Amino acid sequence: MTKVKMNVQTAYHGELLREGKEYEIDEATAKRWNASKIAEILSIGDEDRP
């Protein structure tokens, strides 16, 4: 799972994801959203864990 910060509000798997909030989504979706400026990637997988 990848942690992202939303740049816009969008619906994802029946959930409303709000602009400015952080969520965990699958890596492939996170990369697409980052490329489309929908969300900013904060961390991928376990990168930020010891």
N, C-alpha and C. Protein backbone atom coordinates (compact mmCIF):
# COMPACT_ATOMS: atom_id res chain seq x y z
N MET A 1 0.84 -1.19 0.00
CA MET A 1 0.00 0.00 0.00
C MET A 1 0.89 1.25 0.00
N THR A 2 0.34 2.30 -0.57
CA THR A 2 1.07 3.55 -0.72
C THR A 2 0.28 4.68 -0.08
N LYS A 3 0.97 5.50 0.70
CA LYS A 3 0.32 6.64 1.35
C LYS A 3 0.38 7.84 0.41
N VAL A 4 -0.79 8.46 0.19
CA VAL A 4 -0.88 9.63 -0.68
C VAL A 4 -1.61 10.77 0.02
N LYS A 5 -1.33 11.99 -0.42
CA LYS A 5 -2.08 13.16 0.03
C LYS A 5 -2.86 13.65 -1.18
N MET A 6 -4.17 13.76 -1.02
CA MET A 6 -5.04 14.11 -2.13
C MET A 6 -4.93 15.59 -2.51
N ASN A 7 -4.81 15.86 -3.81
CA ASN A 7 -4.82 17.23 -4.32
C ASN A 7 -6.23 17.67 -4.70
N VAL A 8 -7.09 16.68 -4.96
CA VAL A 8 -8.49 16.94 -5.33
C VAL A 8 -9.37 15.92 -4.62
N GLN A 9 -10.65 16.16 -4.59
CA GLN A 9 -11.59 15.20 -4.02
C GLN A 9 -11.98 14.20 -5.10
N THR A 10 -12.04 12.92 -4.74
CA THR A 10 -12.43 11.89 -5.71
C THR A 10 -13.08 10.71 -4.99
N ALA A 11 -13.85 9.94 -5.73
CA ALA A 11 -14.44 8.71 -5.20
C ALA A 11 -13.53 7.55 -5.58
N TYR A 12 -13.29 6.63 -4.64
CA TYR A 12 -12.42 5.49 -4.87
C TYR A 12 -12.97 4.30 -4.10
N HIS A 13 -13.35 3.25 -4.81
CA HIS A 13 -13.91 2.03 -4.20
C HIS A 13 -15.09 2.35 -3.27
N GLY A 14 -15.96 3.25 -3.71
CA GLY A 14 -17.15 3.59 -2.96
C GLY A 14 -16.92 4.55 -1.80
N GLU A 15 -15.68 5.02 -1.64
CA GLU A 15 -15.34 5.97 -0.57
C GLU A 15 -15.09 7.33 -1.18
N LEU A 16 -15.41 8.38 -0.45
CA LEU A 16 -15.11 9.74 -0.89
C LEU A 16 -13.79 10.15 -0.24
N LEU A 17 -12.77 10.37 -1.07
CA LEU A 17 -11.46 10.80 -0.57
C LEU A 17 -11.38 12.31 -0.70
N ARG A 18 -11.12 12.98 0.39
CA ARG A 18 -11.16 14.44 0.46
C ARG A 18 -9.82 15.09 0.13
N GLU A 19 -9.89 16.25 -0.50
CA GLU A 19 -8.70 17.04 -0.80
C GLU A 19 -7.97 17.40 0.49
N GLY A 20 -6.63 17.25 0.48
CA GLY A 20 -5.81 17.64 1.61
C GLY A 20 -5.61 16.55 2.65
N LYS A 21 -6.38 15.47 2.59
CA LYS A 21 -6.24 14.38 3.56
C LYS A 21 -5.34 13.29 3.01
N GLU A 22 -4.82 12.45 3.92
CA GLU A 22 -3.92 11.36 3.55
C GLU A 22 -4.65 10.02 3.61
N TYR A 23 -4.36 9.15 2.62
CA TYR A 23 -4.99 7.84 2.53
C TYR A 23 -3.96 6.82 2.07
N GLU A 24 -4.26 5.54 2.30
CA GLU A 24 -3.43 4.46 1.78
C GLU A 24 -4.19 3.77 0.66
N ILE A 25 -3.55 3.70 -0.50
CA ILE A 25 -4.14 3.06 -1.67
C ILE A 25 -3.09 2.16 -2.32
N ASP A 26 -3.50 1.37 -3.31
CA ASP A 26 -2.54 0.48 -3.95
C ASP A 26 -1.53 1.29 -4.77
N GLU A 27 -0.33 0.72 -4.93
CA GLU A 27 0.79 1.42 -5.55
C GLU A 27 0.52 1.83 -7.00
N ALA A 28 -0.11 0.96 -7.80
CA ALA A 28 -0.37 1.28 -9.20
C ALA A 28 -1.29 2.49 -9.33
N THR A 29 -2.33 2.53 -8.51
CA THR A 29 -3.25 3.67 -8.53
C THR A 29 -2.54 4.94 -8.07
N ALA A 30 -1.72 4.82 -7.04
CA ALA A 30 -0.98 5.97 -6.51
C ALA A 30 -0.09 6.58 -7.59
N LYS A 31 0.57 5.74 -8.36
CA LYS A 31 1.47 6.23 -9.43
C LYS A 31 0.67 6.93 -10.52
N ARG A 32 -0.50 6.38 -10.89
CA ARG A 32 -1.35 7.03 -11.90
C ARG A 32 -1.83 8.39 -11.39
N TRP A 33 -2.30 8.41 -10.14
CA TRP A 33 -2.81 9.66 -9.57
C TRP A 33 -1.71 10.71 -9.45
N ASN A 34 -0.50 10.28 -9.11
CA ASN A 34 0.61 11.22 -9.00
C ASN A 34 0.91 11.82 -10.38
N ALA A 35 0.94 10.99 -11.41
CA ALA A 35 1.21 11.46 -12.77
C ALA A 35 0.12 12.42 -13.26
N SER A 36 -1.12 12.19 -12.80
CA SER A 36 -2.26 13.02 -13.21
C SER A 36 -2.51 14.19 -12.27
N LYS A 37 -1.66 14.34 -11.26
CA LYS A 37 -1.78 15.43 -10.27
C LYS A 37 -3.04 15.32 -9.41
N ILE A 38 -3.59 14.12 -9.29
CA ILE A 38 -4.75 13.90 -8.44
C ILE A 38 -4.30 13.78 -6.98
N ALA A 39 -3.12 13.17 -6.78
CA ALA A 39 -2.58 12.99 -5.43
C ALA A 39 -1.06 13.03 -5.47
N GLU A 40 -0.47 13.30 -4.32
CA GLU A 40 0.98 13.33 -4.16
C GLU A 40 1.40 12.12 -3.33
N ILE A 41 2.38 11.37 -3.79
CA ILE A 41 2.85 10.19 -3.06
C ILE A 41 3.69 10.63 -1.87
N LEU A 42 3.35 10.13 -0.69
CA LEU A 42 4.10 10.42 0.53
C LEU A 42 5.07 9.30 0.86
N SER A 43 4.63 8.05 0.69
CA SER A 43 5.51 6.90 0.91
C SER A 43 4.97 5.70 0.17
N ILE A 44 5.89 4.86 -0.31
CA ILE A 44 5.52 3.65 -1.05
C ILE A 44 5.85 2.44 -0.20
N GLY A 45 4.86 1.60 0.01
CA GLY A 45 5.08 0.35 0.77
C GLY A 45 5.61 0.60 2.17
N ASP A 46 6.71 -0.08 2.50
CA ASP A 46 7.27 0.00 3.85
C ASP A 46 8.50 0.91 3.91
N GLU A 47 8.69 1.81 2.94
CA GLU A 47 9.87 2.67 2.90
C GLU A 47 10.08 3.48 4.17
N ASP A 48 8.98 3.95 4.77
CA ASP A 48 9.11 4.84 5.93
C ASP A 48 9.14 4.08 7.25
N ARG A 49 9.15 2.75 7.22
CA ARG A 49 9.17 1.96 8.45
C ARG A 49 10.58 1.44 8.71
N PRO A 50 10.97 1.30 9.98
CA PRO A 50 12.33 0.81 10.30
C PRO A 50 12.53 -0.64 9.93
